[in-house]
PDB file of N, CA and C in Angstrom:
ATOM      1  N   MET A   1      94.049  27.127  68.099  1.00  0.00           N
ATOM      2  CA  MET A   1      93.336  28.271  68.595  1.00  0.00           C
ATOM      3  C   MET A   1      94.365  29.276  69.104  1.00  0.00           C
ATOM      4  N   THR A   2      94.233  30.448  68.627  1.00  0.00           N
ATOM      5  CA  THR A   2      95.174  31.487  69.003  1.00  0.00           C
ATOM      6  C   THR A   2      94.642  32.217  70.216  1.00  0.00           C
ATOM      7  N   HIS A   3      95.526  32.381  71.199  1.00  0.00           N
ATOM      8  CA  HIS A   3      95.139  33.093  72.418  1.00  0.00           C
ATOM      9  C   HIS A   3      95.417  34.579  72.211  1.00  0.00           C
ATOM     10  N   THR A   4      94.373  35.364  72.220  1.00  0.00           N
ATOM     11  CA  THR A   4      94.557  36.802  72.051  1.00  0.00           C
ATOM     12  C   THR A   4      94.181  37.503  73.345  1.00  0.00           C
ATOM     13  N   ALA A   5      95.022  38.399  73.769  1.00  0.00           N
ATOM     14  CA  ALA A   5      94.757  39.167  74.987  1.00  0.00           C
ATOM     15  C   ALA A   5      93.925  40.381  74.614  1.00  0.00           C
ATOM     16  N   ASN A   6      92.983  40.653  75.445  1.00  0.00           N
ATOM     17  CA  ASN A   6      92.112  41.785  75.209  1.00  0.00           C
ATOM     18  C   ASN A   6      92.491  42.901  76.184  1.00  0.00           C
ATOM     19  N   HIS A   7      93.684  43.451  76.017  1.00  0.00           N
ATOM     20  CA  HIS A   7      94.173  44.513  76.885  1.00  0.00           C
ATOM     21  C   HIS A   7      93.803  45.868  76.297  1.00  0.00           C
ATOM     22  N   ALA A   8      93.503  46.767  77.187  1.00  0.00           N
ATOM     23  CA  ALA A   8      93.217  48.129  76.738  1.00  0.00           C
ATOM     24  C   ALA A   8      94.537  48.808  76.407  1.00  0.00           C
ATOM     25  N   VAL A   9      94.660  49.243  75.197  1.00  0.00           N
ATOM     26  CA  VAL A   9      95.882  49.910  74.747  1.00  0.00           C
ATOM     27  C   VAL A   9      95.620  51.409  74.784  1.00  0.00           C
ATOM     28  N   PRO A  10      96.465  52.149  75.479  1.00  0.00           N
ATOM     29  CA  PRO A  10      96.238  53.593  75.532  1.00  0.00           C
ATOM     30  C   PRO A  10      96.391  54.213  74.154  1.00  0.00           C
ATOM     31  N   GLU A  11      95.670  55.273  73.948  1.00  0.00           N
ATOM     32  CA  GLU A  11      95.743  55.975  72.675  1.00  0.00           C
ATOM     33  C   GLU A  11      97.156  56.530  72.477  1.00  0.00           C
ATOM     34  N   PRO A  12      97.608  56.533  71.253  1.00  0.00           N
ATOM     35  CA  PRO A  12      98.924  57.110  71.016  1.00  0.00           C
ATOM     36  C   PRO A  12      98.933  58.592  71.384  1.00  0.00           C
ATOM     37  N   GLY A  13      99.946  59.007  72.136  1.00  0.00           N
ATOM     38  CA  GLY A  13     100.070  60.402  72.512  1.00  0.00           C
ATOM     39  C   GLY A  13      99.354  60.784  73.798  1.00  0.00           C
ATOM     40  N   LYS A  14      98.649  59.861  74.429  1.00  0.00           N
ATOM     41  CA  LYS A  14      97.913  60.167  75.653  1.00  0.00           C
ATOM     42  C   LYS A  14      98.872  60.559  76.779  1.00  0.00           C
ATOM     43  N   PHE A  15      99.951  59.819  76.905  1.00  0.00           N
ATOM     44  CA  PHE A  15     100.948  60.123  77.943  1.00  0.00           C
ATOM     45  C   PHE A  15     101.597  61.483  77.664  1.00  0.00           C
ATOM     46  N   ARG A  16     101.901  61.735  76.409  1.00  0.00           N
ATOM     47  CA  ARG A  16     102.534  62.999  76.029  1.00  0.00           C
ATOM     48  C   ARG A  16     101.612  64.181  76.358  1.00  0.00           C
ATOM     49  N   ARG A  17     100.307  64.032  76.101  1.00  0.00           N
ATOM     50  CA  ARG A  17      99.365  65.101  76.428  1.00  0.00           C
ATOM     51  C   ARG A  17      99.268  65.310  77.929  1.00  0.00           C
ATOM     52  N   ALA A  18      99.320  64.235  78.700  1.00  0.00           N
ATOM     53  CA  ALA A  18      99.269  64.353  80.159  1.00  0.00           C
ATOM     54  C   ALA A  18     100.504  65.072  80.683  1.00  0.00           C
ATOM     55  N   VAL A  19     101.673  64.726  80.170  1.00  0.00           N
ATOM     56  CA  VAL A  19     102.908  65.386  80.592  1.00  0.00           C
ATOM     57  C   VAL A  19     102.867  66.864  80.195  1.00  0.00           C
ATOM     58  N   ALA A  20     102.363  67.164  79.012  1.00  0.00           N
ATOM     59  CA  ALA A  20     102.263  68.546  78.557  1.00  0.00           C
ATOM     60  C   ALA A  20     101.318  69.342  79.454  1.00  0.00           C
ATOM     61  N   ALA A  21     100.232  68.729  79.891  1.00  0.00           N
ATOM     62  CA  ALA A  21      99.290  69.413  80.775  1.00  0.00           C
ATOM     63  C   ALA A  21      99.929  69.701  82.130  1.00  0.00           C
ATOM     64  N   VAL A  22     100.663  68.734  82.663  1.00  0.00           N
ATOM     65  CA  VAL A  22     101.359  68.931  83.939  1.00  0.00           C
ATOM     66  C   VAL A  22     102.402  70.029  83.789  1.00  0.00           C
ATOM     67  N   TRP A  23     103.152  70.002  82.700  1.00  0.00           N
ATOM     68  CA  TRP A  23     104.186  71.009  82.465  1.00  0.00           C
ATOM     69  C   TRP A  23     103.564  72.413  82.345  1.00  0.00           C
ATOM     70  N   ALA A  24     102.444  72.520  81.651  1.00  0.00           N
ATOM     71  CA  ALA A  24     101.769  73.816  81.506  1.00  0.00           C
ATOM     72  C   ALA A  24     101.293  74.324  82.867  1.00  0.00           C
ATOM     73  N   PHE A  25     100.792  73.416  83.685  1.00  0.00           N
ATOM     74  CA  PHE A  25     100.348  73.792  85.030  1.00  0.00           C
ATOM     75  C   PHE A  25     101.522  74.304  85.859  1.00  0.00           C
ATOM     76  N   LEU A  26     102.648  73.605  85.816  1.00  0.00           N
ATOM     77  CA  LEU A  26     103.820  74.024  86.580  1.00  0.00           C
ATOM     78  C   LEU A  26     104.344  75.379  86.101  1.00  0.00           C
ATOM     79  N   GLN A  27     104.330  75.608  84.819  1.00  0.00           N
ATOM     80  CA  GLN A  27     104.773  76.902  84.300  1.00  0.00           C
ATOM     81  C   GLN A  27     103.822  78.015  84.728  1.00  0.00           C
ATOM     82  N   ALA A  28     102.532  77.725  84.779  1.00  0.00           N
ATOM     83  CA  ALA A  28     101.559  78.730  85.200  1.00  0.00           C
ATOM     84  C   ALA A  28     101.741  79.086  86.671  1.00  0.00           C
ATOM     85  N   MET A  29     102.250  78.167  87.464  1.00  0.00           N
ATOM     86  CA  MET A  29     102.456  78.408  88.885  1.00  0.00           C
ATOM     87  C   MET A  29     103.722  79.210  89.164  1.00  0.00           C
ATOM     88  N   GLU A  30     104.613  79.300  88.207  1.00  0.00           N
ATOM     89  CA  GLU A  30     105.851  80.033  88.412  1.00  0.00           C
ATOM     90  C   GLU A  30     105.572  81.524  88.498  1.00  0.00           C
ATOM     91  N   SER A  31     106.322  82.180  89.341  1.00  0.00           N
ATOM     92  CA  SER A  31     106.183  83.616  89.512  1.00  0.00           C
ATOM     93  C   SER A  31     107.032  84.331  88.471  1.00  0.00           C
ATOM     94  N   THR A  32     106.451  85.336  87.849  1.00  0.00           N
ATOM     95  CA  THR A  32     107.192  86.106  86.854  1.00  0.00           C
ATOM     96  C   THR A  32     107.812  87.331  87.533  1.00  0.00           C
ATOM     97  N   SER A  33     108.664  88.023  86.808  1.00  0.00           N
ATOM     98  CA  SER A  33     109.265  89.234  87.358  1.00  0.00           C
ATOM     99  C   SER A  33     108.195  90.291  87.611  1.00  0.00           C
ATOM    100  N   PHE A  34     107.155  90.319  86.802  1.00  0.00           N
ATOM    101  CA  PHE A  34     106.050  91.255  86.998  1.00  0.00           C
ATOM    102  C   PHE A  34     105.331  90.946  88.313  1.00  0.00           C
ATOM    103  N   ASP A  35     105.071  89.654  88.586  1.00  0.00           N
ATOM    104  CA  ASP A  35     104.435  89.255  89.845  1.00  0.00           C
ATOM    105  C   ASP A  35     105.300  89.665  91.037  1.00  0.00           C
ATOM    106  N   TYR A  36     106.608  89.442  90.927  1.00  0.00           N
ATOM    107  CA  TYR A  36     107.527  89.808  92.003  1.00  0.00           C
ATOM    108  C   TYR A  36     107.463  91.313  92.250  1.00  0.00           C
ATOM    109  N   THR A  37     107.445  92.109  91.183  1.00  0.00           N
ATOM    110  CA  THR A  37     107.409  93.564  91.317  1.00  0.00           C
ATOM    111  C   THR A  37     106.126  94.010  92.005  1.00  0.00           C
ATOM    112  N   LEU A  38     104.991  93.448  91.609  1.00  0.00           N
ATOM    113  CA  LEU A  38     103.725  93.807  92.245  1.00  0.00           C
ATOM    114  C   LEU A  38     103.709  93.423  93.721  1.00  0.00           C
ATOM    115  N   ASP A  39     104.215  92.242  94.056  1.00  0.00           N
ATOM    116  CA  ASP A  39     104.278  91.812  95.453  1.00  0.00           C
ATOM    117  C   ASP A  39     105.166  92.739  96.266  1.00  0.00           C
ATOM    118  N   ARG A  40     106.289  93.117  95.695  1.00  0.00           N
ATOM    119  CA  ARG A  40     107.227  94.007  96.392  1.00  0.00           C
ATOM    120  C   ARG A  40     106.602  95.384  96.624  1.00  0.00           C
ATOM    121  N   ILE A  41     105.911  95.921  95.621  1.00  0.00           N
ATOM    122  CA  ILE A  41     105.238  97.212  95.764  1.00  0.00           C
ATOM    123  C   ILE A  41     104.177  97.127  96.857  1.00  0.00           C
ATOM    124  N   GLU A  42     103.425  96.043  96.877  1.00  0.00           N
ATOM    125  CA  GLU A  42     102.385  95.877  97.903  1.00  0.00           C
ATOM    126  C   GLU A  42     102.996  95.858  99.297  1.00  0.00           C
ATOM    127  N   ARG A  43     104.098  95.138  99.480  1.00  0.00           N
ATOM    128  CA  ARG A  43     104.761  95.099 100.790  1.00  0.00           C
ATOM    129  C   ARG A  43     105.273  96.476 101.187  1.00  0.00           C
ATOM    130  N   LEU A  44     105.835  97.195 100.223  1.00  0.00           N
ATOM    131  CA  LEU A  44     106.341  98.540 100.518  1.00  0.00           C
ATOM    132  C   LEU A  44     105.208  99.496 100.879  1.00  0.00           C
ATOM    133  N   GLU A  45     104.075  99.396 100.202  1.00  0.00           N
ATOM    134  CA  GLU A  45     102.930 100.250 100.528  1.00  0.00           C
ATOM    135  C   GLU A  45     102.426  99.976 101.941  1.00  0.00           C
ATOM    136  N   ARG A  46     102.370  98.709 102.328  1.00  0.00           N
ATOM    137  CA  ARG A  46     101.955  98.373 103.698  1.00  0.00           C
ATOM    138  C   ARG A  46     102.938  98.937 104.715  1.00  0.00           C
ATOM    139  N   GLU A  47     104.224  98.827 104.424  1.00  0.00           N
ATOM    140  CA  GLU A  47     105.247  99.341 105.331  1.00  0.00           C
ATOM    141  C   GLU A  47     105.147 100.861 105.453  1.00  0.00           C
ATOM    142  N   VAL A  48     104.938 101.570 104.355  1.00  0.00           N
ATOM    143  CA  VAL A  48     104.790 103.029 104.394  1.00  0.00           C
ATOM    144  C   VAL A  48     103.564 103.397 105.230  1.00  0.00           C
ATOM    145  N   GLY A  49     102.476 102.690 105.056  1.00  0.00           N
ATOM    146  CA  GLY A  49     101.272 102.950 105.844  1.00  0.00           C
ATOM    147  C   GLY A  49     101.517 102.749 107.328  1.00  0.00           C
ATOM    148  N   ARG A  50     102.236 101.687 107.657  1.00  0.00           N
ATOM    149  CA  ARG A  50     102.547 101.419 109.063  1.00  0.00           C
ATOM    150  C   ARG A  50     103.439 102.522 109.633  1.00  0.00           C
ATOM    151  N   LEU A  51     104.430 102.945 108.867  1.00  0.00           N
ATOM    152  CA  LEU A  51     105.330 104.000 109.331  1.00  0.00           C
ATOM    153  C   LEU A  51     104.607 105.337 109.475  1.00  0.00           C
ATOM    154  N   LYS A  52     103.692 105.648 108.557  1.00  0.00           N
ATOM    155  CA  LYS A  52     102.914 106.875 108.666  1.00  0.00           C
ATOM    156  C   LYS A  52     102.077 106.881 109.942  1.00  0.00           C
ATOM    157  N   GLU A  53     101.447 105.753 110.229  1.00  0.00           N
ATOM    158  CA  GLU A  53     100.631 105.654 111.443  1.00  0.00           C
ATOM    159  C   GLU A  53     101.506 105.800 112.684  1.00  0.00           C
ATOM    160  N   GLU A  54     102.653 105.166 112.679  1.00  0.00           N
ATOM    161  CA  GLU A  54     103.575 105.268 113.810  1.00  0.00           C
ATOM    162  C   GLU A  54     104.057 106.709 113.985  1.00  0.00           C
ATOM    163  N   LEU A  55     104.384 107.387 112.900  1.00  0.00           N
ATOM    164  CA  LEU A  55     104.823 108.778 112.955  1.00  0.00           C
ATOM    165  C   LEU A  55     103.707 109.683 113.472  1.00  0.00           C
ATOM    166  N   ARG A  56     102.490 109.453 113.015  1.00  0.00           N
ATOM    167  CA  ARG A  56     101.350 110.241 113.477  1.00  0.00           C
ATOM    168  C   ARG A  56     101.157 110.087 114.980  1.00  0.00           C
ATOM    169  N   GLN A  57     101.290 108.874 115.482  1.00  0.00           N
ATOM    170  CA  GLN A  57     101.123 108.632 116.912  1.00  0.00           C
ATOM    171  C   GLN A  57     102.265 109.259 117.717  1.00  0.00           C
ATOM    172  N   ASN A  58     103.478 109.247 117.180  1.00  0.00           N
ATOM    173  CA  ASN A  58     104.616 109.821 117.893  1.00  0.00           C
ATOM    174  C   ASN A  58     104.566 111.347 117.908  1.00  0.00           C
ATOM    175  N   ARG A  59     104.035 111.960 116.879  1.00  0.00           N
ATOM    176  CA  ARG A  59     103.961 113.422 116.822  1.00  0.00           C
ATOM    177  C   ARG A  59     102.927 113.983 117.783  1.00  0.00           C
ATOM    178  N   ASN A  60     101.857 113.269 117.990  1.00  0.00           N
ATOM    179  CA  ASN A  60     100.775 113.770 118.823  1.00  0.00           C
ATOM    180  C   ASN A  60     100.281 112.661 119.760  1.00  0.00           C
ATOM    181  N   PRO A  61     101.076 112.293 120.767  1.00  0.00           N
ATOM    182  CA  PRO A  61     100.658 111.188 121.649  1.00  0.00           C
ATOM    183  C   PRO A  61      99.460 111.546 122.513  1.00  0.00           C
ATOM    184  N   GLU A  62      99.249 112.859 122.798  1.00  0.00           N
ATOM    185  CA  GLU A  62      98.127 113.268 123.639  1.00  0.00           C
ATOM    186  C   GLU A  62      96.801 113.190 122.896  1.00  0.00           C
ATOM    187  N   ALA A  63      96.836 113.225 121.585  1.00  0.00           N
ATOM    188  CA  ALA A  63      95.596 113.217 120.805  1.00  0.00           C
ATOM    189  C   ALA A  63      94.794 111.956 121.087  1.00  0.00           C
ATOM    190  N   GLY A  64      95.457 110.835 121.157  1.00  0.00           N
ATOM    191  CA  GLY A  64      94.750 109.594 121.451  1.00  0.00           C
ATOM    192  C   GLY A  64      94.210 109.589 122.862  1.00  0.00           C
ATOM    193  N   ASP A  65      95.012 110.105 123.842  1.00  0.00           N
ATOM    194  CA  ASP A  65      94.578 110.146 125.235  1.00  0.00           C
ATOM    195  C   ASP A  65      93.466 111.172 125.431  1.00  0.00           C
ATOM    196  N   ALA A  66      93.573 112.330 124.767  1.00  0.00           N
ATOM    197  CA  ALA A  66      92.557 113.377 124.900  1.00  0.00           C
ATOM    198  C   ALA A  66      91.231 112.895 124.331  1.00  0.00           C
ATOM    199  N   HIS A  67      91.289 112.163 123.243  1.00  0.00           N
ATOM    200  CA  HIS A  67      90.060 111.642 122.640  1.00  0.00           C
ATOM    201  C   HIS A  67      89.370 110.684 123.600  1.00  0.00           C
ATOM    202  N   ILE A  68      90.146 109.838 124.245  1.00  0.00           N
ATOM    203  CA  ILE A  68      89.576 108.865 125.197  1.00  0.00           C
ATOM    204  C   ILE A  68      89.027 109.606 126.407  1.00  0.00           C
ATOM    205  N   ALA A  69      89.763 110.598 126.907  1.00  0.00           N
ATOM    206  CA  ALA A  69      89.319 111.336 128.076  1.00  0.00           C
ATOM    207  C   ALA A  69      88.052 112.125 127.780  1.00  0.00           C
ATOM    208  N   SER A  70      87.956 112.746 126.607  1.00  0.00           N
ATOM    209  CA  SER A  70      86.771 113.527 126.272  1.00  0.00           C
ATOM    210  C   SER A  70      85.558 112.607 126.074  1.00  0.00           C
ATOM    211  N   ALA A  71      85.785 111.427 125.628  1.00  0.00           N
ATOM    212  CA  ALA A  71      84.664 110.485 125.444  1.00  0.00           C
ATOM    213  C   ALA A  71      84.137 110.019 126.784  1.00  0.00           C
ATOM    214  N   ALA A  72      85.025 109.943 127.801  1.00  0.00           N
ATOM    215  CA  ALA A  72      84.604 109.473 129.117  1.00  0.00           C
ATOM    216  C   ALA A  72      83.980 110.598 129.935  1.00  0.00           C
ATOM    217  N   ALA A  73      84.280 111.862 129.637  1.00  0.00           N
ATOM    218  CA  ALA A  73      83.766 112.985 130.408  1.00  0.00           C
ATOM    219  C   ALA A  73      82.269 113.181 130.126  1.00  0.00           C
ATOM    220  N   PRO A  74      81.491 113.481 131.181  1.00  0.00           N
ATOM    221  CA  PRO A  74      80.045 113.719 130.959  1.00  0.00           C
ATOM    222  C   PRO A  74      79.823 115.053 130.264  1.00  0.00           C
ATOM    223  N   GLU A  75      78.833 115.097 129.417  1.00  0.00           N
ATOM    224  CA  GLU A  75      78.505 116.334 128.708  1.00  0.00           C
ATOM    225  C   GLU A  75      77.507 117.140 129.526  1.00  0.00           C
ATOM    226  N   HIS A  76      77.588 118.475 129.431  1.00  0.00           N
ATOM    227  CA  HIS A  76      76.679 119.367 130.181  1.00  0.00           C
ATOM    228  C   HIS A  76      75.614 119.894 129.284  1.00  0.00           C
TER     229      HIS A  76
END
């Protein structure tokens, strides 16, 4: 009587397909030069906006105080 093992044998190429899927995922996660450029532009736009707001406040510091004072004053 021959003893035969009934082991599940993986399909040929199953491991290769799994490695290829992992590799494709890792490549998709990599940042491209285009992504870097867009991120850099976004950071620069935020910085310009912050600087514009700071400049506006420095040019007219009373505007913020006058607005608060006029809001607190009773109307006639």
